N, C-alpha and C. Protein backbone atom coordinates (compact mmCIF):
# COMPACT_ATOMS: atom_id res chain seq x y z
N MET A 1 19.16 -1.70 -18.63
CA MET A 1 18.53 -2.34 -17.49
C MET A 1 19.58 -3.13 -16.71
N ILE A 2 19.53 -3.01 -15.41
CA ILE A 2 20.44 -3.73 -14.53
C ILE A 2 19.84 -5.11 -14.24
N ILE A 3 20.64 -6.14 -14.40
CA ILE A 3 20.20 -7.51 -14.07
C ILE A 3 21.21 -8.10 -13.10
N ILE A 4 20.76 -8.39 -11.90
CA ILE A 4 21.65 -8.89 -10.85
C ILE A 4 21.19 -10.29 -10.43
N GLY A 5 22.12 -11.22 -10.49
CA GLY A 5 21.84 -12.57 -10.01
C GLY A 5 21.45 -13.58 -11.07
N HIS A 6 21.47 -13.18 -12.34
CA HIS A 6 21.17 -14.13 -13.41
C HIS A 6 22.47 -14.86 -13.75
N PRO A 7 22.41 -16.19 -13.98
CA PRO A 7 23.65 -16.94 -14.21
C PRO A 7 24.42 -16.54 -15.47
N TRP A 8 23.79 -15.91 -16.43
CA TRP A 8 24.48 -15.52 -17.66
C TRP A 8 25.25 -14.21 -17.52
N ILE A 9 24.93 -13.45 -16.49
CA ILE A 9 25.46 -12.09 -16.40
C ILE A 9 26.25 -11.91 -15.10
N GLU A 10 27.47 -11.47 -15.25
CA GLU A 10 28.29 -11.18 -14.08
C GLU A 10 27.73 -9.93 -13.40
N SER A 11 27.55 -10.02 -12.11
CA SER A 11 26.97 -8.89 -11.39
C SER A 11 27.45 -8.89 -9.94
N ASP A 12 27.14 -7.81 -9.27
CA ASP A 12 27.47 -7.70 -7.86
C ASP A 12 26.75 -8.77 -7.06
N ARG A 13 27.34 -9.14 -5.94
CA ARG A 13 26.68 -9.99 -4.96
C ARG A 13 26.26 -9.09 -3.81
N PHE A 14 25.13 -9.38 -3.24
CA PHE A 14 24.61 -8.60 -2.13
C PHE A 14 24.70 -9.46 -0.86
N CYS A 15 25.15 -8.86 0.22
CA CYS A 15 25.33 -9.59 1.47
C CYS A 15 24.52 -8.89 2.57
N LYS A 16 23.53 -9.60 3.13
CA LYS A 16 22.72 -9.02 4.20
C LYS A 16 23.58 -8.82 5.45
N VAL A 17 23.44 -7.67 6.06
CA VAL A 17 24.13 -7.39 7.31
C VAL A 17 23.16 -6.73 8.29
N PHE A 18 23.44 -6.94 9.55
CA PHE A 18 22.57 -6.38 10.58
C PHE A 18 23.34 -5.57 11.62
N LEU A 19 24.67 -5.73 11.64
CA LEU A 19 25.51 -5.03 12.61
C LEU A 19 26.75 -4.49 11.90
N GLN A 20 27.39 -3.51 12.52
CA GLN A 20 28.59 -2.92 11.94
C GLN A 20 29.69 -3.98 11.79
N LYS A 21 29.78 -4.90 12.73
CA LYS A 21 30.81 -5.96 12.62
C LYS A 21 30.53 -6.86 11.42
N ASP A 22 29.25 -7.03 11.05
CA ASP A 22 28.91 -7.82 9.86
C ASP A 22 29.42 -7.13 8.59
N ILE A 23 29.36 -5.80 8.58
CA ILE A 23 29.86 -5.04 7.43
C ILE A 23 31.35 -5.28 7.27
N LYS A 24 32.07 -5.23 8.39
CA LYS A 24 33.53 -5.43 8.35
C LYS A 24 33.90 -6.85 7.91
N LYS A 25 33.03 -7.83 8.17
CA LYS A 25 33.28 -9.22 7.81
C LYS A 25 32.77 -9.57 6.40
N SER A 26 32.01 -8.67 5.78
CA SER A 26 31.44 -8.99 4.47
C SER A 26 32.55 -9.15 3.43
N PRO A 27 32.39 -10.08 2.51
CA PRO A 27 33.43 -10.31 1.49
C PRO A 27 33.69 -9.06 0.65
N ALA A 28 34.94 -8.89 0.28
CA ALA A 28 35.32 -7.76 -0.57
C ALA A 28 34.56 -7.84 -1.88
N GLY A 29 34.15 -6.70 -2.37
CA GLY A 29 33.46 -6.63 -3.65
C GLY A 29 31.97 -6.88 -3.57
N THR A 30 31.45 -7.09 -2.39
CA THR A 30 30.00 -7.28 -2.26
C THR A 30 29.33 -5.97 -1.92
N VAL A 31 28.06 -5.90 -2.22
CA VAL A 31 27.24 -4.76 -1.84
C VAL A 31 26.54 -5.14 -0.54
N VAL A 32 26.69 -4.32 0.46
CA VAL A 32 26.07 -4.57 1.75
C VAL A 32 24.56 -4.31 1.62
N LEU A 33 23.73 -5.25 2.08
CA LEU A 33 22.28 -5.11 2.01
C LEU A 33 21.74 -4.88 3.41
N LEU A 34 21.14 -3.72 3.62
CA LEU A 34 20.58 -3.35 4.91
C LEU A 34 19.07 -3.50 4.88
N GLU A 35 18.51 -3.97 5.99
CA GLU A 35 17.06 -4.07 6.07
C GLU A 35 16.64 -4.17 7.52
N PRO A 36 15.51 -3.72 7.89
CA PRO A 36 14.78 -2.63 7.24
C PRO A 36 15.44 -1.29 7.56
N LEU A 37 15.14 -0.28 6.80
CA LEU A 37 15.81 1.01 6.94
C LEU A 37 15.57 1.64 8.31
N VAL A 38 14.40 1.46 8.85
CA VAL A 38 14.10 2.05 10.16
C VAL A 38 15.08 1.54 11.22
N ASP A 39 15.58 0.32 11.05
CA ASP A 39 16.53 -0.25 12.00
C ASP A 39 17.99 -0.10 11.57
N SER A 40 18.21 0.29 10.33
CA SER A 40 19.58 0.28 9.81
C SER A 40 20.09 1.64 9.32
N HIS A 41 19.40 2.70 9.65
CA HIS A 41 19.83 4.02 9.14
C HIS A 41 21.21 4.41 9.67
N THR A 42 21.58 3.97 10.87
CA THR A 42 22.93 4.28 11.36
C THR A 42 23.98 3.49 10.58
N LEU A 43 23.64 2.27 10.19
CA LEU A 43 24.56 1.49 9.36
C LEU A 43 24.70 2.13 7.97
N ALA A 44 23.61 2.68 7.46
CA ALA A 44 23.66 3.38 6.17
C ALA A 44 24.61 4.57 6.25
N ARG A 45 24.52 5.33 7.32
CA ARG A 45 25.44 6.47 7.49
C ARG A 45 26.88 5.98 7.59
N TYR A 46 27.10 4.90 8.32
CA TYR A 46 28.45 4.32 8.44
C TYR A 46 28.98 3.94 7.05
N CYS A 47 28.15 3.26 6.26
CA CYS A 47 28.57 2.87 4.91
C CYS A 47 28.90 4.09 4.05
N LYS A 48 28.05 5.10 4.12
CA LYS A 48 28.29 6.30 3.32
C LYS A 48 29.59 6.98 3.72
N GLU A 49 29.81 7.11 5.03
CA GLU A 49 31.03 7.77 5.53
C GLU A 49 32.29 7.01 5.14
N ASN A 50 32.18 5.69 5.01
CA ASN A 50 33.33 4.85 4.71
C ASN A 50 33.37 4.37 3.26
N GLN A 51 32.53 4.98 2.43
CA GLN A 51 32.47 4.69 0.99
C GLN A 51 32.29 3.20 0.71
N ILE A 52 31.39 2.58 1.46
CA ILE A 52 31.05 1.17 1.28
C ILE A 52 29.74 1.12 0.49
N PRO A 53 29.73 0.50 -0.68
CA PRO A 53 28.48 0.44 -1.45
C PRO A 53 27.43 -0.36 -0.68
N PHE A 54 26.22 0.19 -0.63
CA PHE A 54 25.17 -0.51 0.09
C PHE A 54 23.83 -0.38 -0.61
N ALA A 55 22.98 -1.34 -0.31
CA ALA A 55 21.61 -1.36 -0.80
C ALA A 55 20.70 -1.42 0.41
N VAL A 56 19.46 -1.02 0.20
CA VAL A 56 18.48 -1.03 1.28
C VAL A 56 17.19 -1.64 0.73
N THR A 57 16.57 -2.51 1.52
CA THR A 57 15.24 -2.97 1.14
C THR A 57 14.25 -1.88 1.53
N VAL A 58 13.34 -1.59 0.64
CA VAL A 58 12.33 -0.56 0.91
C VAL A 58 10.94 -1.10 0.59
N ASN A 59 9.98 -0.61 1.36
CA ASN A 59 8.59 -1.04 1.18
C ASN A 59 7.66 0.13 0.91
N THR A 60 8.17 1.36 1.06
CA THR A 60 7.32 2.53 0.87
C THR A 60 8.10 3.61 0.11
N LEU A 61 7.37 4.55 -0.43
CA LEU A 61 7.99 5.68 -1.11
C LEU A 61 8.84 6.49 -0.14
N GLN A 62 8.36 6.67 1.07
CA GLN A 62 9.12 7.43 2.06
C GLN A 62 10.46 6.76 2.35
N GLU A 63 10.48 5.44 2.50
CA GLU A 63 11.74 4.73 2.72
C GLU A 63 12.67 4.91 1.52
N ALA A 64 12.11 4.92 0.32
CA ALA A 64 12.91 5.11 -0.89
C ALA A 64 13.57 6.49 -0.90
N ILE A 65 12.82 7.49 -0.50
CA ILE A 65 13.36 8.86 -0.45
C ILE A 65 14.51 8.93 0.55
N PHE A 66 14.33 8.29 1.71
CA PHE A 66 15.39 8.27 2.72
C PHE A 66 16.60 7.47 2.23
N ALA A 67 16.35 6.34 1.58
CA ALA A 67 17.46 5.52 1.07
C ALA A 67 18.33 6.33 0.11
N ASN A 68 17.70 7.07 -0.77
CA ASN A 68 18.44 7.93 -1.70
C ASN A 68 19.20 9.01 -0.95
N ALA A 69 18.54 9.66 0.00
CA ALA A 69 19.18 10.73 0.77
C ALA A 69 20.37 10.21 1.58
N LEU A 70 20.31 8.96 2.00
CA LEU A 70 21.40 8.36 2.77
C LEU A 70 22.53 7.84 1.88
N GLY A 71 22.34 7.87 0.57
CA GLY A 71 23.40 7.50 -0.36
C GLY A 71 23.45 6.04 -0.77
N ALA A 72 22.34 5.34 -0.65
CA ALA A 72 22.31 3.93 -1.08
C ALA A 72 22.59 3.82 -2.57
N SER A 73 23.32 2.80 -2.95
CA SER A 73 23.56 2.54 -4.38
C SER A 73 22.32 1.95 -5.03
N TYR A 74 21.64 1.08 -4.28
CA TYR A 74 20.44 0.41 -4.78
C TYR A 74 19.37 0.38 -3.71
N MET A 75 18.13 0.29 -4.16
CA MET A 75 17.03 -0.05 -3.26
C MET A 75 16.35 -1.26 -3.86
N VAL A 76 16.08 -2.24 -3.01
CA VAL A 76 15.47 -3.49 -3.43
C VAL A 76 14.04 -3.50 -2.93
N CYS A 77 13.10 -3.76 -3.84
CA CYS A 77 11.69 -3.73 -3.43
C CYS A 77 10.89 -4.71 -4.28
N GLU A 78 9.69 -4.96 -3.84
CA GLU A 78 8.76 -5.78 -4.61
C GLU A 78 8.30 -4.99 -5.84
N GLU A 79 7.82 -5.69 -6.84
CA GLU A 79 7.43 -5.06 -8.10
C GLU A 79 6.41 -3.94 -7.90
N ASP A 80 5.38 -4.17 -7.11
CA ASP A 80 4.34 -3.15 -6.89
C ASP A 80 4.92 -1.88 -6.30
N ASP A 81 5.84 -2.03 -5.36
CA ASP A 81 6.49 -0.86 -4.76
C ASP A 81 7.39 -0.17 -5.78
N ALA A 82 8.10 -0.95 -6.58
CA ALA A 82 8.98 -0.39 -7.61
C ALA A 82 8.20 0.47 -8.60
N LEU A 83 6.99 0.04 -8.94
CA LEU A 83 6.16 0.80 -9.88
C LEU A 83 5.77 2.16 -9.32
N ILE A 84 5.64 2.26 -8.03
CA ILE A 84 5.32 3.54 -7.38
C ILE A 84 6.58 4.39 -7.22
N ILE A 85 7.68 3.77 -6.86
CA ILE A 85 8.92 4.48 -6.55
C ILE A 85 9.62 5.00 -7.80
N GLN A 86 9.67 4.21 -8.87
CA GLN A 86 10.46 4.56 -10.05
C GLN A 86 10.13 5.94 -10.65
N PRO A 87 8.86 6.29 -10.83
CA PRO A 87 8.58 7.62 -11.40
C PRO A 87 9.09 8.76 -10.52
N ILE A 88 9.01 8.59 -9.22
CA ILE A 88 9.52 9.62 -8.30
C ILE A 88 11.04 9.67 -8.39
N ALA A 89 11.68 8.50 -8.46
CA ALA A 89 13.13 8.45 -8.58
C ALA A 89 13.59 9.16 -9.86
N GLN A 90 12.84 8.99 -10.94
CA GLN A 90 13.19 9.68 -12.19
C GLN A 90 12.94 11.18 -12.09
N GLU A 91 11.83 11.55 -11.50
CA GLU A 91 11.48 12.97 -11.38
C GLU A 91 12.53 13.73 -10.59
N TYR A 92 13.01 13.13 -9.52
CA TYR A 92 13.96 13.80 -8.64
C TYR A 92 15.41 13.39 -8.91
N LEU A 93 15.62 12.64 -9.99
CA LEU A 93 16.96 12.24 -10.41
C LEU A 93 17.74 11.55 -9.30
N PHE A 94 17.11 10.54 -8.69
CA PHE A 94 17.77 9.76 -7.65
C PHE A 94 19.07 9.17 -8.19
N ASP A 95 20.10 9.15 -7.36
CA ASP A 95 21.32 8.42 -7.68
C ASP A 95 21.14 6.93 -7.37
N THR A 96 20.23 6.62 -6.48
CA THR A 96 19.95 5.24 -6.08
C THR A 96 19.13 4.54 -7.16
N ARG A 97 19.56 3.35 -7.56
CA ARG A 97 18.86 2.57 -8.58
C ARG A 97 17.79 1.70 -7.94
N VAL A 98 16.63 1.62 -8.58
CA VAL A 98 15.50 0.83 -8.10
C VAL A 98 15.59 -0.57 -8.70
N LEU A 99 15.63 -1.59 -7.83
CA LEU A 99 15.68 -2.98 -8.26
C LEU A 99 14.43 -3.71 -7.78
N ALA A 100 13.75 -4.36 -8.69
CA ALA A 100 12.59 -5.18 -8.33
C ALA A 100 13.08 -6.59 -8.08
N LEU A 101 12.67 -7.14 -6.96
CA LEU A 101 13.01 -8.52 -6.62
C LEU A 101 12.13 -9.45 -7.46
N ILE A 102 12.78 -10.33 -8.24
CA ILE A 102 12.02 -11.27 -9.07
C ILE A 102 12.49 -12.69 -8.79
N HIS A 103 11.66 -13.65 -9.20
CA HIS A 103 11.99 -15.05 -8.95
C HIS A 103 12.10 -15.87 -10.23
N GLU A 104 11.61 -15.33 -11.33
CA GLU A 104 11.66 -16.05 -12.60
C GLU A 104 12.16 -15.13 -13.72
N GLU A 105 12.91 -15.72 -14.62
CA GLU A 105 13.49 -14.99 -15.74
C GLU A 105 12.43 -14.28 -16.58
N LYS A 106 11.27 -14.89 -16.74
CA LYS A 106 10.23 -14.30 -17.59
C LYS A 106 9.73 -12.96 -17.05
N GLU A 107 10.01 -12.65 -15.80
CA GLU A 107 9.59 -11.38 -15.21
C GLU A 107 10.43 -10.20 -15.69
N ILE A 108 11.60 -10.47 -16.25
CA ILE A 108 12.51 -9.40 -16.67
C ILE A 108 11.85 -8.48 -17.70
N ALA A 109 11.23 -9.06 -18.72
CA ALA A 109 10.61 -8.25 -19.78
C ALA A 109 9.50 -7.38 -19.21
N LYS A 110 8.70 -7.91 -18.31
CA LYS A 110 7.61 -7.13 -17.70
C LYS A 110 8.17 -5.94 -16.92
N ILE A 111 9.22 -6.17 -16.16
CA ILE A 111 9.84 -5.10 -15.39
C ILE A 111 10.45 -4.06 -16.33
N ALA A 112 11.07 -4.52 -17.41
CA ALA A 112 11.67 -3.60 -18.38
C ALA A 112 10.61 -2.71 -19.01
N ARG A 113 9.46 -3.29 -19.38
CA ARG A 113 8.37 -2.49 -19.97
C ARG A 113 7.84 -1.45 -18.99
N SER A 114 8.00 -1.71 -17.72
CA SER A 114 7.53 -0.77 -16.69
C SER A 114 8.53 0.35 -16.43
N GLY A 115 9.71 0.25 -17.01
CA GLY A 115 10.71 1.31 -16.85
C GLY A 115 11.48 1.26 -15.55
N ILE A 116 11.44 0.14 -14.84
CA ILE A 116 12.18 -0.01 -13.59
C ILE A 116 13.67 -0.12 -13.92
N ASP A 117 14.53 0.44 -13.07
CA ASP A 117 15.97 0.45 -13.33
C ASP A 117 16.55 -0.95 -13.53
N GLY A 118 16.06 -1.92 -12.74
CA GLY A 118 16.64 -3.25 -12.86
C GLY A 118 15.92 -4.28 -12.03
N VAL A 119 16.48 -5.49 -12.07
CA VAL A 119 15.93 -6.61 -11.33
C VAL A 119 17.05 -7.28 -10.53
N ILE A 120 16.62 -7.97 -9.49
CA ILE A 120 17.56 -8.77 -8.70
C ILE A 120 16.88 -10.10 -8.37
N PHE A 121 17.64 -11.17 -8.57
CA PHE A 121 17.17 -12.51 -8.21
C PHE A 121 17.62 -12.80 -6.78
N PRO A 122 16.85 -13.58 -6.03
CA PRO A 122 17.24 -13.92 -4.67
C PRO A 122 18.61 -14.62 -4.59
N GLU A 123 19.02 -15.30 -5.65
CA GLU A 123 20.29 -15.99 -5.67
C GLU A 123 21.49 -15.05 -5.53
N ALA A 124 21.28 -13.77 -5.79
CA ALA A 124 22.36 -12.79 -5.68
C ALA A 124 22.56 -12.31 -4.24
N ILE A 125 21.69 -12.76 -3.35
CA ILE A 125 21.72 -12.28 -1.96
C ILE A 125 22.19 -13.40 -1.05
N CYS A 126 23.25 -13.13 -0.31
CA CYS A 126 23.75 -14.13 0.65
C CYS A 126 23.46 -13.67 2.07
């Protein structure tokens, strides 16, 4: 299970971006976070073409399918959406990892029992 943003575990930092110039200014070693996909699909293509790791916030199964097709490393979603997306991601062998946004440590076990790829705390997002 992937755990991002917990103080005990070293993990990637995610940096929200909205423009191509924001991507160029993002700190080295961070994962670019795009949102929403409908407005950021051109940035996703730019990241893929330039081998920049990126994540996308998704709210629907359709957005998740597009995020995977565009080459996102991660998709960040609410737990309810993750429960719908994860079985499809497994069925179609998505390369994109599904992360459920959580706010409390006690939620990790619940997400793990649901078979979701991982969790992300808001503290990991700048």
